[in-house]
């Protein structure tokens, strides 16, 4: 929490009200941006997990082909 935003609302002065409203705007903005940030992170994690899965499949497929090629070469007269 920002140190320049008071925890109590001061309704005795106009300056206090303006300061408190500014603090509320900041807090509302953070509350609104939070879910958007989480959604963005979730999407990036999903994309990275998908990439990692495809990359692993590609490595396994390549290794399998190398083993099959070696086996054919060894078994041929």
PDB file of N, CA and C in Angstrom:
ATOM      1  N   UNK A   1       0.842  -1.176   0.000  1.00  0.00           N
ATOM      2  CA  UNK A   1       0.000   0.000   0.000  1.00  0.00           C
ATOM      3  C   UNK A   1       0.882   1.231   0.000  1.00  0.00           C
ATOM      4  N   UNK A   2       0.508   2.253  -0.738  1.00  0.00           N
ATOM      5  CA  UNK A   2       1.301   3.483  -0.814  1.00  0.00           C
ATOM      6  C   UNK A   2       1.280   4.196   0.523  1.00  0.00           C
ATOM      7  N   UNK A   3       2.413   4.767   0.881  1.00  0.00           N
ATOM      8  CA  UNK A   3       2.522   5.423   2.178  1.00  0.00           C
ATOM      9  C   UNK A   3       1.836   6.777   2.205  1.00  0.00           C
ATOM     10  N   UNK A   4       1.601   7.387   1.029  1.00  0.00           N
ATOM     11  CA  UNK A   4       0.966   8.704   1.019  1.00  0.00           C
ATOM     12  C   UNK A   4      -0.564   8.629   1.019  1.00  0.00           C
ATOM     13  N   UNK A   5      -1.131   7.438   1.022  1.00  0.00           N
ATOM     14  CA  UNK A   5      -2.590   7.284   1.079  1.00  0.00           C
ATOM     15  C   UNK A   5      -2.960   6.925   2.510  1.00  0.00           C
ATOM     16  N   UNK A   6      -3.807   7.741   3.101  1.00  0.00           N
ATOM     17  CA  UNK A   6      -4.202   7.500   4.491  1.00  0.00           C
ATOM     18  C   UNK A   6      -5.177   6.335   4.571  1.00  0.00           C
ATOM     19  N   UNK A   7      -5.151   5.667   5.722  1.00  0.00           N
ATOM     20  CA  UNK A   7      -6.063   4.562   5.936  1.00  0.00           C
ATOM     21  C   UNK A   7      -7.454   5.032   6.332  1.00  0.00           C
ATOM     22  N   UNK A   8      -7.542   6.206   6.964  1.00  0.00           N
ATOM     23  CA  UNK A   8      -8.826   6.749   7.397  1.00  0.00           C
ATOM     24  C   UNK A   8      -9.291   7.823   6.429  1.00  0.00           C
ATOM     25  N   UNK A   9     -10.585   7.913   6.231  1.00  0.00           N
ATOM     26  CA  UNK A   9     -11.145   8.948   5.358  1.00  0.00           C
ATOM     27  C   UNK A   9     -11.438  10.188   6.198  1.00  0.00           C
ATOM     28  N   UNK A  10     -10.848  11.303   5.764  1.00  0.00           N
ATOM     29  CA  UNK A  10     -11.013  12.576   6.469  1.00  0.00           C
ATOM     30  C   UNK A  10     -12.025  13.416   5.708  1.00  0.00           C
ATOM     31  N   UNK A  11     -13.217  13.570   6.240  1.00  0.00           N
ATOM     32  CA  UNK A  11     -14.268  14.349   5.566  1.00  0.00           C
ATOM     33  C   UNK A  11     -14.327  15.783   6.067  1.00  0.00           C
ATOM     34  N   UNK A  12     -13.383  16.202   6.894  1.00  0.00           N
ATOM     35  CA  UNK A  12     -13.404  17.552   7.462  1.00  0.00           C
ATOM     36  C   UNK A  12     -12.840  18.605   6.529  1.00  0.00           C
ATOM     37  N   UNK A  13     -12.003  18.219   5.579  1.00  0.00           N
ATOM     38  CA  UNK A  13     -11.401  19.205   4.680  1.00  0.00           C
ATOM     39  C   UNK A  13     -11.583  18.768   3.237  1.00  0.00           C
ATOM     40  N   UNK A  14     -11.632  19.744   2.358  1.00  0.00           N
ATOM     41  CA  UNK A  14     -11.749  19.443   0.929  1.00  0.00           C
ATOM     42  C   UNK A  14     -10.482  18.747   0.422  1.00  0.00           C
ATOM     43  N   UNK A  15      -9.336  19.150   0.935  1.00  0.00           N
ATOM     44  CA  UNK A  15      -8.080  18.526   0.516  1.00  0.00           C
ATOM     45  C   UNK A  15      -8.076  17.051   0.927  1.00  0.00           C
ATOM     46  N   UNK A  16      -8.588  16.758   2.099  1.00  0.00           N
ATOM     47  CA  UNK A  16      -8.645  15.370   2.561  1.00  0.00           C
ATOM     48  C   UNK A  16      -9.538  14.529   1.681  1.00  0.00           C
ATOM     49  N   UNK A  17     -10.679  15.091   1.280  1.00  0.00           N
ATOM     50  CA  UNK A  17     -11.612  14.354   0.420  1.00  0.00           C
ATOM     51  C   UNK A  17     -10.975  14.093  -0.942  1.00  0.00           C
ATOM     52  N   UNK A  18     -10.328  15.105  -1.508  1.00  0.00           N
ATOM     53  CA  UNK A  18      -9.669  14.929  -2.810  1.00  0.00           C
ATOM     54  C   UNK A  18      -8.583  13.872  -2.743  1.00  0.00           C
ATOM     55  N   UNK A  19      -7.819  13.900  -1.683  1.00  0.00           N
ATOM     56  CA  UNK A  19      -6.751  12.919  -1.498  1.00  0.00           C
ATOM     57  C   UNK A  19      -7.339  11.515  -1.346  1.00  0.00           C
ATOM     58  N   UNK A  20      -8.409  11.421  -0.578  1.00  0.00           N
ATOM     59  CA  UNK A  20      -9.050  10.123  -0.365  1.00  0.00           C
ATOM     60  C   UNK A  20      -9.661   9.591  -1.656  1.00  0.00           C
ATOM     61  N   UNK A  21     -10.269  10.470  -2.452  1.00  0.00           N
ATOM     62  CA  UNK A  21     -10.842  10.035  -3.728  1.00  0.00           C
ATOM     63  C   UNK A  21      -9.754   9.556  -4.675  1.00  0.00           C
ATOM     64  N   UNK A  22      -8.617  10.251  -4.670  1.00  0.00           N
ATOM     65  CA  UNK A  22      -7.499   9.824  -5.514  1.00  0.00           C
ATOM     66  C   UNK A  22      -7.017   8.437  -5.084  1.00  0.00           C
ATOM     67  N   UNK A  23      -6.946   8.228  -3.780  1.00  0.00           N
ATOM     68  CA  UNK A  23      -6.558   6.918  -3.264  1.00  0.00           C
ATOM     69  C   UNK A  23      -7.542   5.838  -3.672  1.00  0.00           C
ATOM     70  N   UNK A  24      -8.835   6.161  -3.624  1.00  0.00           N
ATOM     71  CA  UNK A  24      -9.860   5.194  -4.046  1.00  0.00           C
ATOM     72  C   UNK A  24      -9.735   4.865  -5.530  1.00  0.00           C
ATOM     73  N   UNK A  25      -9.439   5.880  -6.354  1.00  0.00           N
ATOM     74  CA  UNK A  25      -9.266   5.645  -7.792  1.00  0.00           C
ATOM     75  C   UNK A  25      -8.109   4.692  -8.040  1.00  0.00           C
ATOM     76  N   UNK A  26      -7.021   4.900  -7.292  1.00  0.00           N
ATOM     77  CA  UNK A  26      -5.852   4.027  -7.445  1.00  0.00           C
ATOM     78  C   UNK A  26      -6.205   2.601  -7.047  1.00  0.00           C
ATOM     79  N   UNK A  27      -6.897   2.454  -5.927  1.00  0.00           N
ATOM     80  CA  UNK A  27      -7.256   1.112  -5.452  1.00  0.00           C
ATOM     81  C   UNK A  27      -8.236   0.424  -6.399  1.00  0.00           C
ATOM     82  N   UNK A  28      -9.196   1.157  -6.931  1.00  0.00           N
ATOM     83  CA  UNK A  28     -10.150   0.583  -7.886  1.00  0.00           C
ATOM     84  C   UNK A  28      -9.417   0.150  -9.153  1.00  0.00           C
ATOM     85  N   UNK A  29      -8.475   0.979  -9.608  1.00  0.00           N
ATOM     86  CA  UNK A  29      -7.686   0.620 -10.793  1.00  0.00           C
ATOM     87  C   UNK A  29      -6.903  -0.662 -10.582  1.00  0.00           C
ATOM     88  N   UNK A  30      -6.283  -0.785  -9.398  1.00  0.00           N
ATOM     89  CA  UNK A  30      -5.534  -2.006  -9.112  1.00  0.00           C
ATOM     90  C   UNK A  30      -6.457  -3.209  -9.038  1.00  0.00           C
ATOM     91  N   UNK A  31      -7.633  -3.035  -8.448  1.00  0.00           N
ATOM     92  CA  UNK A  31      -8.586  -4.142  -8.343  1.00  0.00           C
ATOM     93  C   UNK A  31      -9.089  -4.560  -9.724  1.00  0.00           C
ATOM     94  N   UNK A  32      -9.251  -3.603 -10.622  1.00  0.00           N
ATOM     95  CA  UNK A  32      -9.728  -3.922 -11.967  1.00  0.00           C
ATOM     96  C   UNK A  32      -8.632  -4.557 -12.809  1.00  0.00           C
ATOM     97  N   UNK A  33      -7.379  -4.157 -12.604  1.00  0.00           N
ATOM     98  CA  UNK A  33      -6.274  -4.683 -13.402  1.00  0.00           C
ATOM     99  C   UNK A  33      -5.796  -6.047 -12.918  1.00  0.00           C
ATOM    100  N   UNK A  34      -6.094  -6.401 -11.693  1.00  0.00           N
ATOM    101  CA  UNK A  34      -5.644  -7.676 -11.150  1.00  0.00           C
ATOM    102  C   UNK A  34      -6.104  -8.876 -11.953  1.00  0.00           C
ATOM    103  N   UNK A  35      -7.403  -9.018 -12.203  1.00  0.00           N
ATOM    104  CA  UNK A  35      -7.871 -10.175 -12.987  1.00  0.00           C
ATOM    105  C   UNK A  35      -7.303 -10.198 -14.409  1.00  0.00           C
ATOM    106  N   UNK A  36      -7.126  -9.020 -15.015  1.00  0.00           N
ATOM    107  CA  UNK A  36      -6.550  -8.977 -16.358  1.00  0.00           C
ATOM    108  C   UNK A  36      -5.118  -9.497 -16.345  1.00  0.00           C
ATOM    109  N   UNK A  37      -4.359  -9.120 -15.328  1.00  0.00           N
ATOM    110  CA  UNK A  37      -2.982  -9.599 -15.209  1.00  0.00           C
ATOM    111  C   UNK A  37      -2.952 -11.111 -15.003  1.00  0.00           C
ATOM    112  N   UNK A  38      -3.842 -11.610 -14.172  1.00  0.00           N
ATOM    113  CA  UNK A  38      -3.903 -13.056 -13.940  1.00  0.00           C
ATOM    114  C   UNK A  38      -4.278 -13.803 -15.211  1.00  0.00           C
ATOM    115  N   UNK A  39      -5.224 -13.263 -15.958  1.00  0.00           N
ATOM    116  CA  UNK A  39      -5.626 -13.897 -17.216  1.00  0.00           C
ATOM    117  C   UNK A  39      -4.484 -13.930 -18.212  1.00  0.00           C
ATOM    118  N   UNK A  40      -3.726 -12.852 -18.269  1.00  0.00           N
ATOM    119  CA  UNK A  40      -2.577 -12.788 -19.169  1.00  0.00           C
ATOM    120  C   UNK A  40      -1.521 -13.814 -18.768  1.00  0.00           C
ATOM    121  N   UNK A  41      -1.240 -13.904 -17.472  1.00  0.00           N
ATOM    122  CA  UNK A  41      -0.278 -14.892 -16.992  1.00  0.00           C
ATOM    123  C   UNK A  41      -0.742 -16.312 -17.281  1.00  0.00           C
ATOM    124  N   UNK A  42      -2.030 -16.559 -17.091  1.00  0.00           N
ATOM    125  CA  UNK A  42      -2.579 -17.891 -17.353  1.00  0.00           C
ATOM    126  C   UNK A  42      -2.405 -18.255 -18.824  1.00  0.00           C
ATOM    127  N   UNK A  43      -2.642 -17.299 -19.702  1.00  0.00           N
ATOM    128  CA  UNK A  43      -2.507 -17.562 -21.129  1.00  0.00           C
ATOM    129  C   UNK A  43      -1.050 -17.850 -21.492  1.00  0.00           C
ATOM    130  N   UNK A  44      -0.117 -17.075 -20.929  1.00  0.00           N
ATOM    131  CA  UNK A  44       1.299 -17.315 -21.212  1.00  0.00           C
ATOM    132  C   UNK A  44       1.756 -18.666 -20.686  1.00  0.00           C
ATOM    133  N   UNK A  45       1.300 -19.041 -19.500  1.00  0.00           N
ATOM    134  CA  UNK A  45       1.660 -20.340 -18.945  1.00  0.00           C
ATOM    135  C   UNK A  45       1.110 -21.456 -19.827  1.00  0.00           C
ATOM    136  N   UNK A  46      -0.118 -21.290 -20.297  1.00  0.00           N
ATOM    137  CA  UNK A  46      -0.707 -22.282 -21.198  1.00  0.00           C
ATOM    138  C   UNK A  46       0.077 -22.419 -22.497  1.00  0.00           C
ATOM    139  N   UNK A  47       0.508 -21.285 -23.051  1.00  0.00           N
ATOM    140  CA  UNK A  47       1.288 -21.316 -24.289  1.00  0.00           C
ATOM    141  C   UNK A  47       2.639 -22.002 -24.065  1.00  0.00           C
ATOM    142  N   UNK A  48       3.271 -21.725 -22.930  1.00  0.00           N
ATOM    143  CA  UNK A  48       4.564 -22.344 -22.640  1.00  0.00           C
ATOM    144  C   UNK A  48       4.409 -23.835 -22.386  1.00  0.00           C
ATOM    145  N   UNK A  49       3.343 -24.223 -21.713  1.00  0.00           N
ATOM    146  CA  UNK A  49       3.098 -25.651 -21.473  1.00  0.00           C
ATOM    147  C   UNK A  49       2.847 -26.374 -22.802  1.00  0.00           C
ATOM    148  N   UNK A  50       2.100 -25.743 -23.691  1.00  0.00           N
ATOM    149  CA  UNK A  50       1.836 -26.329 -25.009  1.00  0.00           C
ATOM    150  C   UNK A  50       3.138 -26.478 -25.792  1.00  0.00           C
ATOM    151  N   UNK A  51       3.970 -25.432 -25.764  1.00  0.00           N
ATOM    152  CA  UNK A  51       5.263 -25.488 -26.460  1.00  0.00           C
ATOM    153  C   UNK A  51       6.128 -26.609 -25.885  1.00  0.00           C
ATOM    154  N   UNK A  52       6.201 -26.706 -24.559  1.00  0.00           N
ATOM    155  CA  UNK A  52       7.021 -27.731 -23.923  1.00  0.00           C
ATOM    156  C   UNK A  52       6.534 -29.127 -24.300  1.00  0.00           C
ATOM    157  N   UNK A  53       5.231 -29.324 -24.360  1.00  0.00           N
ATOM    158  CA  UNK A  53       4.674 -30.617 -24.757  1.00  0.00           C
ATOM    159  C   UNK A  53       5.035 -30.978 -26.187  1.00  0.00           C
ATOM    160  N   UNK A  54       4.889 -30.011 -27.101  1.00  0.00           N
ATOM    161  CA  UNK A  54       5.228 -30.264 -28.505  1.00  0.00           C
ATOM    162  C   UNK A  54       6.726 -30.499 -28.669  1.00  0.00           C
ATOM    163  N   UNK A  55       7.524 -29.749 -27.924  1.00  0.00           N
ATOM    164  CA  UNK A  55       8.980 -29.902 -27.997  1.00  0.00           C
ATOM    165  C   UNK A  55       9.395 -31.288 -27.514  1.00  0.00           C
ATOM    166  N   UNK A  56       8.806 -31.739 -26.415  1.00  0.00           N
ATOM    167  CA  UNK A  56       9.101 -33.073 -25.882  1.00  0.00           C
ATOM    168  C   UNK A  56       8.701 -34.150 -26.885  1.00  0.00           C
ATOM    169  N   UNK A  57       7.524 -34.003 -27.490  1.00  0.00           N
ATOM    170  CA  UNK A  57       7.074 -34.977 -28.502  1.00  0.00           C
ATOM    171  C   UNK A  57       8.037 -35.012 -29.681  1.00  0.00           C
ATOM    172  N   UNK A  58       8.525 -33.851 -30.093  1.00  0.00           N
ATOM    173  CA  UNK A  58       9.454 -33.776 -31.217  1.00  0.00           C
ATOM    174  C   UNK A  58      10.766 -34.476 -30.896  1.00  0.00           C
ATOM    175  N   UNK A  59      11.278 -34.266 -29.697  1.00  0.00           N
ATOM    176  CA  UNK A  59      12.529 -34.921 -29.290  1.00  0.00           C
ATOM    177  C   UNK A  59      12.343 -36.436 -29.228  1.00  0.00           C
ATOM    178  N   UNK A  60      11.238 -36.889 -28.642  1.00  0.00           N
ATOM    179  CA  UNK A  60      10.970 -38.329 -28.551  1.00  0.00           C
ATOM    180  C   UNK A  60      10.832 -38.948 -29.937  1.00  0.00           C
ATOM    181  N   UNK A  61      10.161 -38.232 -30.835  1.00  0.00           N
ATOM    182  CA  UNK A  61       9.977 -38.741 -32.196  1.00  0.00           C
ATOM    183  C   UNK A  61      11.325 -38.843 -32.917  1.00  0.00           C
ATOM    184  N   UNK A  62      12.157 -37.819 -32.769  1.00  0.00           N
ATOM    185  CA  UNK A  62      13.479 -37.838 -33.405  1.00  0.00           C
ATOM    186  C   UNK A  62      14.354 -38.939 -32.854  1.00  0.00           C
ATOM    187  N   UNK A  63      14.348 -39.124 -31.544  1.00  0.00           N
ATOM    188  CA  UNK A  63      15.146 -40.187 -30.924  1.00  0.00           C
ATOM    189  C   UNK A  63      14.654 -41.547 -31.390  1.00  0.00           C
ATOM    190  N   UNK A  64      13.355 -41.710 -31.502  1.00  0.00           N
ATOM    191  CA  UNK A  64      12.785 -42.981 -31.956  1.00  0.00           C
ATOM    192  C   UNK A  64      13.223 -43.283 -33.387  1.00  0.00           C
ATOM    193  N   UNK A  65      13.223 -42.279 -34.246  1.00  0.00           N
ATOM    194  CA  UNK A  65      13.653 -42.484 -35.633  1.00  0.00           C
ATOM    195  C   UNK A  65      15.129 -42.869 -35.703  1.00  0.00           C
ATOM    196  N   UNK A  66      15.956 -42.241 -34.859  1.00  0.00           N
ATOM    197  CA  UNK A  66      17.379 -42.589 -34.845  1.00  0.00           C
ATOM    198  C   UNK A  66      17.586 -44.031 -34.409  1.00  0.00           C
ATOM    199  N   UNK A  67      16.862 -44.472 -33.397  1.00  0.00           N
ATOM    200  CA  UNK A  67      16.973 -45.850 -32.924  1.00  0.00           C
ATOM    201  C   UNK A  67      16.508 -46.813 -34.012  1.00  0.00           C
ATOM    202  N   UNK A  68      15.394 -46.492 -34.673  1.00  0.00           N
ATOM    203  CA  UNK A  68      14.895 -47.366 -35.744  1.00  0.00           C
ATOM    204  C   UNK A  68      15.899 -47.461 -36.891  1.00  0.00           C
ATOM    205  N   UNK A  69      16.527 -46.334 -37.236  1.00  0.00           N
ATOM    206  CA  UNK A  69      17.515 -46.326 -38.313  1.00  0.00           C
ATOM    207  C   UNK A  69      18.712 -47.174 -37.940  1.00  0.00           C
ATOM    208  N   UNK A  70      19.193 -47.040 -36.719  1.00  0.00           N
ATOM    209  CA  UNK A  70      20.327 -47.843 -36.269  1.00  0.00           C
ATOM    210  C   UNK A  70      19.990 -49.325 -36.272  1.00  0.00           C
ATOM    211  N   UNK A  71      18.786 -49.676 -35.842  1.00  0.00           N
ATOM    212  CA  UNK A  71      18.375 -51.084 -35.801  1.00  0.00           C
ATOM    213  C   UNK A  71      18.318 -51.666 -37.207  1.00  0.00           C
ATOM    214  N   UNK A  72      17.819 -50.908 -38.186  1.00  0.00           N
ATOM    215  CA  UNK A  72      17.748 -51.382 -39.570  1.00  0.00           C
ATOM    216  C   UNK A  72      19.146 -51.565 -40.146  1.00  0.00           C
ATOM    217  N   UNK A  73      20.039 -50.637 -39.823  1.00  0.00           N
ATOM    218  CA  UNK A  73      21.404 -50.723 -40.335  1.00  0.00           C
ATOM    219  C   UNK A  73      22.143 -51.924 -39.762  1.00  0.00           C
ATOM    220  N   UNK A  74      21.945 -52.196 -38.483  1.00  0.00           N
ATOM    221  CA  UNK A  74      22.601 -53.327 -37.838  1.00  0.00           C
ATOM    222  C   UNK A  74      22.045 -54.649 -38.352  1.00  0.00           C
ATOM    223  N   UNK A  75      20.760 -54.716 -38.614  1.00  0.00           N
ATOM    224  CA  UNK A  75      20.131 -55.976 -39.026  1.00  0.00           C
ATOM    225  C   UNK A  75      20.294 -56.281 -40.509  1.00  0.00           C
ATOM    226  N   UNK A  76      20.709 -55.312 -41.319  1.00  0.00           N
ATOM    227  CA  UNK A  76      20.875 -55.580 -42.748  1.00  0.00           C
ATOM    228  C   UNK A  76      22.228 -56.260 -42.997  1.00  0.00           C
ATOM    229  N   UNK A  77      22.262 -57.251 -43.947  1.00  0.00           N
ATOM    230  CA  UNK A  77      23.488 -58.025 -44.207  1.00  0.00           C
ATOM    231  C   UNK A  77      24.560 -57.243 -44.926  1.00  0.00           C
TER     232      UNK A  77
END
